[in-house]
Amino acid sequence: MKSLIIVVCLFITCSVSAQNYPFIKNFVAGTIILKDGSRKTGLIRWFPDPSEKLRFKMNNDAVEEKYQIPDLQGFTTDTLHFKMLSNLEIYGEDYPVLNKMSKLKNMFGQIIYTGKINVYYVLYNGYDPLRNGYSSYPNLIFEKTKDNKPEFAAFPVYINMREKRYDEAKERLLPFFSEYPAIQEKLKTFNRATNMSGFIDSIKQIPELKNE
């Protein structure tokens, strides 16, 4: 389905932290989607970290259940939709200083857009040597199908690092959009202060752009 699921201030206009999600500190109403596609509706609590289990219970008085990320296809809370993603390379704590990507075997990504190229928002938390403390590392994840397999590419948003590192991230992302020169040109204009909504709009127009 080619539709905009949700575009929120989390990654477009606001500085991001994991505390933006309502289910970080409290149980909130939601639905989990099991591996077989069945659904269970109740209360959900989860901290955005690949090692954290999602906590679920049918109601306030029910016994709590815990799920590893790969145990689920995803979950929903209010207008937020999350999908389980596997084998990601994202921009985490090692990138600003060491120029190294962080590998995530499994992680939930918030669905931003579904279409020819899917867009997800992933929060990763790690130690920030520049701030001497733990920080959130927000990434946009792009997904396309190649040879009947998902192919992912990441891009950092609102991460504390030099402009040079953003330029290097752009160079890494450009080949992912090799079929879409108009999107590549849009990406080349991006810098740390750029609003990402225009870039997402370009992805939404992929059928038209590709035929130009």
N, C-alpha and C. Protein backbone atom coordinates (compact mmCIF):
# COMPACT_ATOMS: atom_id res chain seq x y z
N MET A 1 0.85 -1.19 0.00
CA MET A 1 0.00 0.00 0.00
C MET A 1 0.88 1.23 0.00
N LYS A 2 0.68 2.08 -1.01
CA LYS A 2 1.49 3.27 -1.13
C LYS A 2 0.78 4.42 -0.42
N SER A 3 1.06 4.58 0.84
CA SER A 3 0.41 5.64 1.60
C SER A 3 1.35 6.14 2.66
N LEU A 4 1.18 7.40 3.02
CA LEU A 4 1.95 7.96 4.12
C LEU A 4 1.32 7.50 5.41
N ILE A 5 2.04 6.70 6.20
CA ILE A 5 1.51 6.19 7.45
C ILE A 5 1.50 7.28 8.50
N ILE A 6 2.65 7.88 8.75
CA ILE A 6 2.72 8.94 9.75
C ILE A 6 4.02 9.71 9.57
N VAL A 7 3.94 11.01 9.60
CA VAL A 7 5.14 11.83 9.62
C VAL A 7 5.05 12.68 10.87
N VAL A 8 5.94 12.47 11.78
CA VAL A 8 5.85 13.10 13.09
C VAL A 8 7.05 13.99 13.32
N CYS A 9 6.95 14.85 14.34
CA CYS A 9 8.04 15.77 14.64
C CYS A 9 9.25 15.04 15.18
N LEU A 10 9.13 13.75 15.45
CA LEU A 10 10.25 12.98 15.98
C LEU A 10 11.50 13.16 15.14
N PHE A 11 11.38 13.13 13.80
CA PHE A 11 12.59 13.19 12.99
C PHE A 11 12.59 14.34 12.00
N ILE A 12 11.49 15.06 11.87
CA ILE A 12 11.43 16.11 10.85
C ILE A 12 11.74 17.49 11.43
N THR A 13 11.15 17.84 12.54
CA THR A 13 11.30 19.20 13.04
C THR A 13 11.83 19.29 14.44
N CYS A 14 11.99 18.18 15.13
CA CYS A 14 12.35 18.23 16.54
C CYS A 14 13.64 17.50 16.83
N SER A 15 14.30 17.90 17.88
CA SER A 15 15.39 17.11 18.42
C SER A 15 14.78 15.86 19.01
N VAL A 16 15.48 14.74 18.88
CA VAL A 16 14.87 13.46 19.22
C VAL A 16 15.50 12.85 20.45
N SER A 17 14.68 12.25 21.28
CA SER A 17 15.16 11.39 22.36
C SER A 17 14.17 10.27 22.52
N ALA A 18 14.61 9.18 23.13
CA ALA A 18 13.74 8.03 23.29
C ALA A 18 12.53 8.36 24.13
N GLN A 19 12.60 9.42 24.93
CA GLN A 19 11.49 9.75 25.81
C GLN A 19 10.27 10.25 25.05
N ASN A 20 10.38 10.49 23.74
CA ASN A 20 9.23 10.92 22.96
C ASN A 20 8.15 9.86 22.90
N TYR A 21 8.52 8.60 22.96
CA TYR A 21 7.54 7.53 22.85
C TYR A 21 6.80 7.34 24.16
N PRO A 22 5.46 7.29 24.13
CA PRO A 22 4.68 7.18 25.37
C PRO A 22 4.86 5.85 26.09
N PHE A 23 5.27 4.81 25.36
CA PHE A 23 5.38 3.48 25.97
C PHE A 23 6.74 3.23 26.62
N ILE A 24 7.59 4.27 26.71
CA ILE A 24 8.90 4.10 27.33
C ILE A 24 8.76 3.86 28.83
N LYS A 25 7.98 4.72 29.49
CA LYS A 25 7.88 4.68 30.95
C LYS A 25 6.61 4.02 31.46
N ASN A 26 5.58 3.98 30.62
CA ASN A 26 4.29 3.48 31.08
C ASN A 26 3.70 2.48 30.08
N PHE A 27 2.84 1.60 30.59
CA PHE A 27 2.07 0.74 29.71
C PHE A 27 1.02 1.60 29.00
N VAL A 28 0.90 1.40 27.69
CA VAL A 28 -0.10 2.12 26.90
C VAL A 28 -0.89 1.12 26.08
N ALA A 29 -2.08 1.51 25.68
CA ALA A 29 -2.92 0.64 24.87
C ALA A 29 -2.26 0.36 23.53
N GLY A 30 -2.31 -0.90 23.11
CA GLY A 30 -1.70 -1.24 21.83
C GLY A 30 -1.98 -2.67 21.43
N THR A 31 -1.45 -3.04 20.29
CA THR A 31 -1.65 -4.38 19.74
C THR A 31 -0.31 -4.94 19.28
N ILE A 32 -0.02 -6.18 19.66
CA ILE A 32 1.19 -6.84 19.16
C ILE A 32 0.80 -7.79 18.03
N ILE A 33 1.70 -7.93 17.07
CA ILE A 33 1.48 -8.83 15.93
C ILE A 33 2.48 -9.97 16.05
N LEU A 34 1.98 -11.17 16.27
CA LEU A 34 2.84 -12.33 16.46
C LEU A 34 3.41 -12.81 15.13
N LYS A 35 4.38 -13.72 15.19
CA LYS A 35 5.05 -14.19 13.98
C LYS A 35 4.10 -14.85 13.00
N ASP A 36 3.03 -15.48 13.52
CA ASP A 36 2.07 -16.14 12.64
C ASP A 36 1.02 -15.18 12.09
N GLY A 37 1.14 -13.89 12.42
CA GLY A 37 0.21 -12.89 11.92
C GLY A 37 -0.97 -12.62 12.83
N SER A 38 -1.15 -13.43 13.85
CA SER A 38 -2.24 -13.20 14.79
C SER A 38 -1.95 -11.98 15.66
N ARG A 39 -3.01 -11.40 16.21
CA ARG A 39 -2.87 -10.16 16.97
C ARG A 39 -3.42 -10.32 18.38
N LYS A 40 -2.79 -9.60 19.31
CA LYS A 40 -3.25 -9.57 20.68
C LYS A 40 -3.30 -8.10 21.11
N THR A 41 -4.46 -7.69 21.59
CA THR A 41 -4.65 -6.30 22.00
C THR A 41 -4.65 -6.19 23.51
N GLY A 42 -3.95 -5.19 24.01
CA GLY A 42 -3.88 -5.00 25.45
C GLY A 42 -3.05 -3.78 25.78
N LEU A 43 -2.03 -3.96 26.65
CA LEU A 43 -1.16 -2.88 27.08
C LEU A 43 0.29 -3.22 26.75
N ILE A 44 1.06 -2.23 26.29
CA ILE A 44 2.42 -2.44 25.80
C ILE A 44 3.38 -1.48 26.50
N ARG A 45 4.57 -2.01 26.80
CA ARG A 45 5.66 -1.15 27.28
C ARG A 45 6.97 -1.67 26.69
N TRP A 46 7.78 -0.74 26.16
CA TRP A 46 9.05 -1.16 25.54
C TRP A 46 10.01 0.02 25.48
N PHE A 47 11.29 -0.26 25.79
CA PHE A 47 12.34 0.75 25.64
C PHE A 47 13.09 0.45 24.34
N PRO A 48 13.29 1.47 23.49
CA PRO A 48 13.91 1.24 22.17
C PRO A 48 15.37 0.82 22.25
N ASP A 49 15.57 -0.47 22.43
CA ASP A 49 16.91 -1.04 22.48
C ASP A 49 16.81 -2.47 22.00
N PRO A 50 17.75 -2.94 21.17
CA PRO A 50 17.65 -4.30 20.62
C PRO A 50 17.68 -5.40 21.66
N SER A 51 18.21 -5.12 22.83
CA SER A 51 18.29 -6.15 23.88
C SER A 51 17.07 -6.15 24.80
N GLU A 52 16.20 -5.15 24.65
CA GLU A 52 15.05 -5.03 25.53
C GLU A 52 13.87 -5.87 25.03
N LYS A 53 13.23 -6.59 25.95
CA LYS A 53 12.03 -7.33 25.62
C LYS A 53 10.82 -6.40 25.66
N LEU A 54 9.87 -6.64 24.78
CA LEU A 54 8.61 -5.92 24.82
C LEU A 54 7.72 -6.56 25.86
N ARG A 55 7.16 -5.74 26.73
CA ARG A 55 6.30 -6.23 27.81
C ARG A 55 4.85 -6.02 27.41
N PHE A 56 4.03 -7.04 27.61
CA PHE A 56 2.63 -7.00 27.18
C PHE A 56 1.75 -7.64 28.24
N LYS A 57 0.58 -7.06 28.43
CA LYS A 57 -0.44 -7.70 29.27
C LYS A 57 -1.81 -7.32 28.74
N MET A 58 -2.76 -8.22 28.93
CA MET A 58 -4.10 -8.03 28.37
C MET A 58 -4.81 -6.85 29.02
N ASN A 59 -4.58 -6.65 30.32
CA ASN A 59 -5.15 -5.53 31.06
C ASN A 59 -4.29 -5.28 32.28
N ASN A 60 -4.65 -4.29 33.08
CA ASN A 60 -3.82 -3.91 34.23
C ASN A 60 -3.64 -5.03 35.24
N ASP A 61 -4.62 -5.91 35.34
CA ASP A 61 -4.58 -6.98 36.33
C ASP A 61 -4.03 -8.29 35.78
N ALA A 62 -3.76 -8.34 34.49
CA ALA A 62 -3.33 -9.59 33.86
C ALA A 62 -1.85 -9.86 34.10
N VAL A 63 -1.47 -11.12 33.90
CA VAL A 63 -0.07 -11.52 34.02
C VAL A 63 0.73 -10.93 32.86
N GLU A 64 1.89 -10.39 33.15
CA GLU A 64 2.73 -9.77 32.13
C GLU A 64 3.46 -10.82 31.29
N GLU A 65 3.46 -10.62 29.98
CA GLU A 65 4.20 -11.47 29.06
C GLU A 65 5.36 -10.66 28.49
N LYS A 66 6.46 -11.34 28.15
CA LYS A 66 7.62 -10.66 27.58
C LYS A 66 8.00 -11.30 26.25
N TYR A 67 8.31 -10.46 25.28
CA TYR A 67 8.64 -10.94 23.94
C TYR A 67 9.97 -10.35 23.48
N GLN A 68 10.85 -11.21 22.98
CA GLN A 68 12.03 -10.73 22.28
C GLN A 68 11.60 -10.10 20.96
N ILE A 69 12.39 -9.19 20.44
CA ILE A 69 12.00 -8.51 19.20
C ILE A 69 11.69 -9.49 18.07
N PRO A 70 12.52 -10.53 17.81
CA PRO A 70 12.20 -11.44 16.70
C PRO A 70 10.99 -12.33 16.94
N ASP A 71 10.41 -12.29 18.15
CA ASP A 71 9.20 -13.06 18.42
C ASP A 71 7.97 -12.43 17.79
N LEU A 72 8.09 -11.19 17.33
CA LEU A 72 6.95 -10.43 16.82
C LEU A 72 7.21 -9.91 15.41
N GLN A 73 6.12 -9.74 14.65
CA GLN A 73 6.22 -9.02 13.38
C GLN A 73 6.26 -7.52 13.61
N GLY A 74 5.63 -7.09 14.71
CA GLY A 74 5.59 -5.67 15.02
C GLY A 74 4.55 -5.37 16.07
N PHE A 75 4.26 -4.09 16.24
CA PHE A 75 3.21 -3.69 17.18
C PHE A 75 2.71 -2.30 16.82
N THR A 76 1.55 -1.94 17.37
CA THR A 76 0.98 -0.62 17.15
C THR A 76 0.54 -0.03 18.48
N THR A 77 0.67 1.28 18.61
CA THR A 77 0.12 2.01 19.74
C THR A 77 -0.43 3.32 19.20
N ASP A 78 -1.72 3.55 19.39
CA ASP A 78 -2.37 4.76 18.88
C ASP A 78 -2.09 4.87 17.38
N THR A 79 -1.42 5.95 16.95
CA THR A 79 -1.14 6.13 15.52
C THR A 79 0.25 5.65 15.13
N LEU A 80 0.99 5.08 16.08
CA LEU A 80 2.35 4.63 15.80
C LEU A 80 2.36 3.16 15.40
N HIS A 81 3.02 2.86 14.29
CA HIS A 81 3.11 1.50 13.79
C HIS A 81 4.58 1.10 13.71
N PHE A 82 4.91 -0.08 14.25
CA PHE A 82 6.29 -0.54 14.28
C PHE A 82 6.41 -1.91 13.62
N LYS A 83 7.51 -2.11 12.91
CA LYS A 83 7.76 -3.37 12.22
C LYS A 83 9.12 -3.92 12.66
N MET A 84 9.22 -5.23 12.79
CA MET A 84 10.48 -5.86 13.13
C MET A 84 11.39 -5.87 11.90
N LEU A 85 12.59 -5.32 12.04
CA LEU A 85 13.57 -5.27 10.97
C LEU A 85 14.80 -6.07 11.38
N SER A 86 15.45 -6.71 10.42
CA SER A 86 16.61 -7.55 10.72
C SER A 86 17.82 -7.14 9.90
N ASN A 87 19.00 -7.39 10.49
CA ASN A 87 20.29 -7.19 9.82
C ASN A 87 20.47 -5.76 9.32
N LEU A 88 20.40 -4.83 10.26
CA LEU A 88 20.58 -3.42 9.94
C LEU A 88 22.00 -2.96 10.26
N GLU A 89 22.47 -2.01 9.50
CA GLU A 89 23.68 -1.26 9.84
C GLU A 89 23.26 0.19 10.01
N ILE A 90 23.45 0.72 11.22
CA ILE A 90 22.96 2.06 11.51
C ILE A 90 24.10 2.96 12.02
N TYR A 91 23.79 4.24 12.10
CA TYR A 91 24.75 5.21 12.61
C TYR A 91 24.56 5.34 14.12
N GLY A 92 25.52 4.79 14.87
CA GLY A 92 25.43 4.78 16.32
C GLY A 92 26.60 5.49 16.96
N GLU A 93 26.99 5.02 18.15
CA GLU A 93 28.01 5.72 18.94
C GLU A 93 29.40 5.68 18.32
N ASP A 94 29.68 4.69 17.47
CA ASP A 94 31.02 4.58 16.88
C ASP A 94 31.22 5.46 15.64
N TYR A 95 30.12 5.97 15.08
CA TYR A 95 30.27 6.69 13.82
C TYR A 95 30.87 8.10 13.96
N PRO A 96 30.39 8.94 14.89
CA PRO A 96 30.92 10.31 14.95
C PRO A 96 32.43 10.37 15.14
N VAL A 97 33.00 9.43 15.89
CA VAL A 97 34.44 9.47 16.20
C VAL A 97 35.24 8.50 15.33
N LEU A 98 34.75 7.27 15.18
CA LEU A 98 35.51 6.22 14.50
C LEU A 98 35.08 5.96 13.07
N ASN A 99 33.98 6.58 12.64
CA ASN A 99 33.47 6.38 11.29
C ASN A 99 33.10 4.91 11.03
N LYS A 100 32.58 4.24 12.06
CA LYS A 100 32.16 2.84 11.96
C LYS A 100 30.67 2.72 12.20
N MET A 101 30.02 1.84 11.45
CA MET A 101 28.59 1.60 11.61
C MET A 101 28.35 0.61 12.75
N SER A 102 27.15 0.68 13.33
CA SER A 102 26.73 -0.28 14.35
C SER A 102 25.78 -1.28 13.71
N LYS A 103 25.93 -2.55 14.05
CA LYS A 103 25.10 -3.60 13.47
C LYS A 103 24.02 -4.03 14.45
N LEU A 104 22.79 -4.09 13.96
CA LEU A 104 21.65 -4.54 14.76
C LEU A 104 21.07 -5.78 14.10
N LYS A 105 21.04 -6.88 14.84
CA LYS A 105 20.48 -8.11 14.30
C LYS A 105 18.97 -8.00 14.15
N ASN A 106 18.31 -7.46 15.17
CA ASN A 106 16.86 -7.26 15.12
C ASN A 106 16.51 -5.96 15.84
N MET A 107 15.53 -5.23 15.30
CA MET A 107 15.11 -3.98 15.92
C MET A 107 13.73 -3.62 15.40
N PHE A 108 12.94 -2.93 16.24
CA PHE A 108 11.66 -2.40 15.77
C PHE A 108 11.90 -1.05 15.12
N GLY A 109 11.31 -0.85 13.94
CA GLY A 109 11.38 0.43 13.26
C GLY A 109 9.99 1.01 13.12
N GLN A 110 9.86 2.30 13.42
CA GLN A 110 8.57 2.97 13.24
C GLN A 110 8.32 3.19 11.76
N ILE A 111 7.16 2.76 11.29
CA ILE A 111 6.83 2.91 9.87
C ILE A 111 6.49 4.36 9.58
N ILE A 112 7.23 4.97 8.67
CA ILE A 112 6.99 6.34 8.26
C ILE A 112 6.24 6.38 6.94
N TYR A 113 6.65 5.53 6.01
CA TYR A 113 6.02 5.50 4.69
C TYR A 113 6.20 4.12 4.09
N THR A 114 5.16 3.63 3.39
CA THR A 114 5.28 2.38 2.65
C THR A 114 4.99 2.63 1.18
N GLY A 115 5.84 2.12 0.32
CA GLY A 115 5.69 2.31 -1.11
C GLY A 115 6.76 1.53 -1.84
N LYS A 116 7.21 2.04 -2.97
CA LYS A 116 8.28 1.36 -3.71
C LYS A 116 9.54 1.26 -2.86
N ILE A 117 9.78 2.32 -2.09
CA ILE A 117 10.82 2.31 -1.06
C ILE A 117 10.15 2.62 0.27
N ASN A 118 10.30 1.72 1.22
CA ASN A 118 9.73 1.93 2.55
C ASN A 118 10.68 2.77 3.40
N VAL A 119 10.11 3.55 4.30
CA VAL A 119 10.91 4.40 5.18
C VAL A 119 10.53 4.11 6.62
N TYR A 120 11.54 3.89 7.45
CA TYR A 120 11.33 3.62 8.88
C TYR A 120 12.18 4.59 9.70
N TYR A 121 11.77 4.74 10.94
CA TYR A 121 12.53 5.55 11.90
C TYR A 121 12.98 4.63 13.02
N VAL A 122 14.28 4.58 13.26
CA VAL A 122 14.84 3.69 14.28
C VAL A 122 15.64 4.50 15.28
N LEU A 123 15.34 4.29 16.56
CA LEU A 123 16.12 4.89 17.64
C LEU A 123 17.09 3.85 18.19
N TYR A 124 18.35 4.23 18.26
CA TYR A 124 19.37 3.37 18.85
C TYR A 124 20.02 4.15 19.99
N ASN A 125 20.23 3.50 21.12
CA ASN A 125 20.81 4.17 22.28
C ASN A 125 22.18 3.60 22.58
N GLY A 126 23.16 4.49 22.77
CA GLY A 126 24.51 4.04 23.05
C GLY A 126 25.31 5.12 23.76
N TYR A 127 26.52 4.78 24.14
CA TYR A 127 27.38 5.71 24.87
C TYR A 127 27.98 6.74 23.91
N ASP A 128 27.81 8.01 24.24
CA ASP A 128 28.32 9.10 23.41
C ASP A 128 29.61 9.63 24.02
N PRO A 129 30.77 9.32 23.42
CA PRO A 129 32.04 9.78 23.99
C PRO A 129 32.20 11.29 23.95
N LEU A 130 31.49 11.96 23.05
CA LEU A 130 31.59 13.41 22.96
C LEU A 130 30.86 14.10 24.11
N ARG A 131 29.84 13.42 24.65
CA ARG A 131 29.07 13.98 25.77
C ARG A 131 29.33 13.27 27.08
N ASN A 132 30.13 12.20 27.02
CA ASN A 132 30.44 11.42 28.22
C ASN A 132 29.18 10.92 28.91
N GLY A 133 28.27 10.36 28.12
CA GLY A 133 27.03 9.82 28.65
C GLY A 133 26.26 9.12 27.55
N TYR A 134 25.13 8.51 27.91
CA TYR A 134 24.33 7.79 26.92
C TYR A 134 23.45 8.75 26.13
N SER A 135 23.32 8.48 24.85
CA SER A 135 22.54 9.32 23.95
C SER A 135 21.71 8.46 23.01
N SER A 136 20.70 9.08 22.42
CA SER A 136 19.91 8.43 21.39
C SER A 136 20.51 8.75 20.02
N TYR A 137 20.54 7.74 19.16
CA TYR A 137 21.07 7.91 17.81
C TYR A 137 19.94 7.60 16.82
N PRO A 138 19.20 8.62 16.38
CA PRO A 138 18.08 8.40 15.46
C PRO A 138 18.57 8.16 14.04
N ASN A 139 17.95 7.20 13.38
CA ASN A 139 18.27 6.88 11.99
C ASN A 139 17.00 6.76 11.17
N LEU A 140 17.07 7.21 9.94
CA LEU A 140 16.06 6.84 8.95
C LEU A 140 16.57 5.59 8.25
N ILE A 141 15.70 4.60 8.11
CA ILE A 141 16.04 3.36 7.42
C ILE A 141 15.22 3.27 6.14
N PHE A 142 15.88 3.07 5.03
CA PHE A 142 15.22 2.92 3.74
C PHE A 142 15.29 1.45 3.32
N GLU A 143 14.18 0.95 2.80
CA GLU A 143 14.11 -0.46 2.41
C GLU A 143 13.57 -0.59 0.98
N LYS A 144 14.25 -1.39 0.18
CA LYS A 144 13.74 -1.75 -1.14
C LYS A 144 13.98 -3.24 -1.34
N THR A 145 13.32 -3.80 -2.34
CA THR A 145 13.47 -5.23 -2.62
C THR A 145 14.40 -5.42 -3.81
N LYS A 146 15.40 -6.25 -3.62
CA LYS A 146 16.36 -6.56 -4.68
C LYS A 146 16.57 -8.06 -4.72
N ASP A 147 16.32 -8.66 -5.88
CA ASP A 147 16.42 -10.12 -6.03
C ASP A 147 15.55 -10.83 -5.00
N ASN A 148 14.35 -10.28 -4.80
CA ASN A 148 13.36 -10.85 -3.87
C ASN A 148 13.82 -10.84 -2.41
N LYS A 149 14.79 -9.99 -2.10
CA LYS A 149 15.27 -9.87 -0.73
C LYS A 149 15.27 -8.40 -0.32
N PRO A 150 14.99 -8.13 0.96
CA PRO A 150 15.02 -6.73 1.41
C PRO A 150 16.45 -6.20 1.45
N GLU A 151 16.62 -4.97 1.01
CA GLU A 151 17.91 -4.29 1.09
C GLU A 151 17.70 -3.00 1.86
N PHE A 152 18.55 -2.76 2.85
CA PHE A 152 18.38 -1.61 3.73
C PHE A 152 19.54 -0.62 3.57
N ALA A 153 19.23 0.63 3.83
CA ALA A 153 20.25 1.67 3.92
C ALA A 153 19.82 2.64 5.01
N ALA A 154 20.78 3.18 5.75
CA ALA A 154 20.48 4.07 6.87
C ALA A 154 21.00 5.48 6.59
N PHE A 155 20.39 6.43 7.30
CA PHE A 155 20.88 7.80 7.27
C PHE A 155 20.67 8.43 8.64
N PRO A 156 21.70 9.11 9.20
CA PRO A 156 21.59 9.67 10.54
C PRO A 156 20.80 10.98 10.54
N VAL A 157 19.98 11.18 11.57
CA VAL A 157 19.27 12.44 11.74
C VAL A 157 19.46 12.93 13.17
N TYR A 158 19.81 14.19 13.29
CA TYR A 158 19.98 14.83 14.60
C TYR A 158 20.97 14.09 15.49
N ILE A 159 22.07 13.64 14.91
CA ILE A 159 23.15 13.04 15.68
C ILE A 159 24.27 14.07 15.82
N ASN A 160 24.84 14.16 16.99
CA ASN A 160 25.88 15.15 17.28
C ASN A 160 27.19 14.74 16.61
N MET A 161 27.45 15.29 15.42
CA MET A 161 28.70 14.99 14.73
C MET A 161 29.01 16.08 13.73
N ARG A 162 30.22 16.08 13.22
CA ARG A 162 30.66 17.11 12.30
C ARG A 162 29.94 16.99 10.95
N GLU A 163 29.87 18.13 10.25
CA GLU A 163 29.25 18.15 8.93
C GLU A 163 29.93 17.16 7.98
N LYS A 164 31.24 16.98 8.16
CA LYS A 164 31.98 16.04 7.31
C LYS A 164 31.40 14.64 7.43
N ARG A 165 30.99 14.24 8.63
CA ARG A 165 30.42 12.91 8.81
C ARG A 165 29.08 12.79 8.09
N TYR A 166 28.28 13.86 8.08
CA TYR A 166 27.03 13.83 7.32
C TYR A 166 27.31 13.70 5.83
N ASP A 167 28.32 14.41 5.36
CA ASP A 167 28.67 14.30 3.94
C ASP A 167 29.08 12.86 3.59
N GLU A 168 29.82 12.22 4.47
CA GLU A 168 30.21 10.84 4.24
C GLU A 168 29.00 9.91 4.25
N ALA A 169 28.04 10.20 5.15
CA ALA A 169 26.81 9.40 5.19
C ALA A 169 26.01 9.56 3.90
N LYS A 170 25.98 10.78 3.35
CA LYS A 170 25.29 10.99 2.08
C LYS A 170 25.94 10.17 0.96
N GLU A 171 27.26 10.15 0.93
CA GLU A 171 27.96 9.39 -0.10
C GLU A 171 27.64 7.90 0.00
N ARG A 172 27.49 7.40 1.22
CA ARG A 172 27.15 5.99 1.41
C ARG A 172 25.72 5.68 0.95
N LEU A 173 24.84 6.66 1.10
CA LEU A 173 23.43 6.43 0.77
C LEU A 173 23.13 6.60 -0.72
N LEU A 174 23.89 7.41 -1.41
CA LEU A 174 23.61 7.71 -2.82
C LEU A 174 23.44 6.46 -3.69
N PRO A 175 24.30 5.43 -3.59
CA PRO A 175 24.11 4.25 -4.45
C PRO A 175 22.78 3.53 -4.24
N PHE A 176 22.20 3.64 -3.06
CA PHE A 176 20.91 3.00 -2.79
C PHE A 176 19.83 3.55 -3.72
N PHE A 177 19.95 4.83 -4.09
CA PHE A 177 18.96 5.49 -4.95
C PHE A 177 19.48 5.64 -6.39
N SER A 178 20.32 4.71 -6.82
CA SER A 178 20.94 4.81 -8.15
C SER A 178 19.93 4.83 -9.28
N GLU A 179 18.75 4.25 -9.06
CA GLU A 179 17.71 4.24 -10.10
C GLU A 179 16.95 5.55 -10.16
N TYR A 180 17.18 6.44 -9.21
CA TYR A 180 16.38 7.65 -9.09
C TYR A 180 17.29 8.88 -8.97
N PRO A 181 17.80 9.38 -10.09
CA PRO A 181 18.72 10.53 -10.07
C PRO A 181 18.14 11.76 -9.38
N ALA A 182 16.83 11.99 -9.52
CA ALA A 182 16.23 13.17 -8.89
C ALA A 182 16.33 13.10 -7.38
N ILE A 183 16.17 11.90 -6.83
CA ILE A 183 16.30 11.74 -5.38
C ILE A 183 17.76 11.91 -4.96
N GLN A 184 18.68 11.41 -5.77
CA GLN A 184 20.09 11.60 -5.46
C GLN A 184 20.45 13.09 -5.40
N GLU A 185 19.92 13.87 -6.33
CA GLU A 185 20.20 15.30 -6.32
C GLU A 185 19.60 15.96 -5.08
N LYS A 186 18.42 15.52 -4.68
CA LYS A 186 17.80 16.05 -3.47
C LYS A 186 18.66 15.73 -2.25
N LEU A 187 19.17 14.53 -2.20
CA LEU A 187 19.99 14.11 -1.07
C LEU A 187 21.29 14.92 -0.98
N LYS A 188 21.86 15.26 -2.12
CA LYS A 188 23.12 16.00 -2.13
C LYS A 188 22.98 17.38 -1.49
N THR A 189 21.76 17.92 -1.47
CA THR A 189 21.55 19.25 -0.88
C THR A 189 21.34 19.20 0.62
N PHE A 190 21.26 17.99 1.19
CA PHE A 190 20.95 17.86 2.61
C PHE A 190 22.15 18.25 3.47
N ASN A 191 21.87 18.93 4.60
CA ASN A 191 22.87 19.16 5.63
C ASN A 191 22.20 18.99 6.99
N ARG A 192 22.93 19.22 8.06
CA ARG A 192 22.40 18.95 9.39
C ARG A 192 21.17 19.78 9.72
N ALA A 193 21.03 20.95 9.11
CA ALA A 193 19.91 21.84 9.42
C ALA A 193 18.71 21.63 8.50
N THR A 194 18.83 20.73 7.54
CA THR A 194 17.78 20.54 6.54
C THR A 194 16.58 19.80 7.11
N ASN A 195 15.39 20.26 6.76
CA ASN A 195 14.16 19.56 7.11
C ASN A 195 14.01 18.36 6.19
N MET A 196 13.81 17.17 6.78
CA MET A 196 13.78 15.93 5.99
C MET A 196 12.46 15.69 5.28
N SER A 197 11.43 16.50 5.55
CA SER A 197 10.13 16.24 4.94
C SER A 197 10.20 16.32 3.42
N GLY A 198 11.02 17.22 2.88
CA GLY A 198 11.14 17.33 1.43
C GLY A 198 11.74 16.09 0.81
N PHE A 199 12.69 15.48 1.52
CA PHE A 199 13.31 14.25 1.01
C PHE A 199 12.31 13.10 1.01
N ILE A 200 11.49 13.01 2.07
CA ILE A 200 10.45 11.98 2.12
C ILE A 200 9.43 12.21 1.00
N ASP A 201 9.09 13.47 0.74
CA ASP A 201 8.17 13.78 -0.36
C ASP A 201 8.73 13.28 -1.70
N SER A 202 10.03 13.40 -1.88
CA SER A 202 10.64 12.91 -3.12
C SER A 202 10.48 11.41 -3.27
N ILE A 203 10.61 10.69 -2.16
CA ILE A 203 10.45 9.24 -2.18
C ILE A 203 9.00 8.87 -2.51
N LYS A 204 8.06 9.65 -2.01
CA LYS A 204 6.65 9.39 -2.30
C LYS A 204 6.34 9.55 -3.79
N GLN A 205 7.15 10.31 -4.50
CA GLN A 205 6.92 10.57 -5.92
C GLN A 205 7.76 9.68 -6.82
N ILE A 206 8.33 8.62 -6.28
CA ILE A 206 9.25 7.78 -7.04
C ILE A 206 8.71 7.33 -8.40
N PRO A 207 7.47 6.86 -8.54
CA PRO A 207 7.01 6.43 -9.89
C PRO A 207 7.15 7.54 -10.92
N GLU A 208 6.78 8.80 -10.53
CA GLU A 208 6.89 9.91 -11.46
C GLU A 208 8.34 10.27 -11.73
N LEU A 209 9.15 10.27 -10.68
CA LEU A 209 10.55 10.65 -10.85
C LEU A 209 11.30 9.67 -11.74
N LYS A 210 11.01 8.38 -11.56
CA LYS A 210 11.74 7.37 -12.32
C LYS A 210 11.46 7.47 -13.81
N ASN A 211 10.26 7.94 -14.19
CA ASN A 211 9.88 7.99 -15.59
C ASN A 211 10.28 9.30 -16.26
N GLU A 212 10.88 10.21 -15.49
CA GLU A 212 11.25 11.49 -16.08
C GLU A 212 12.42 11.34 -17.05
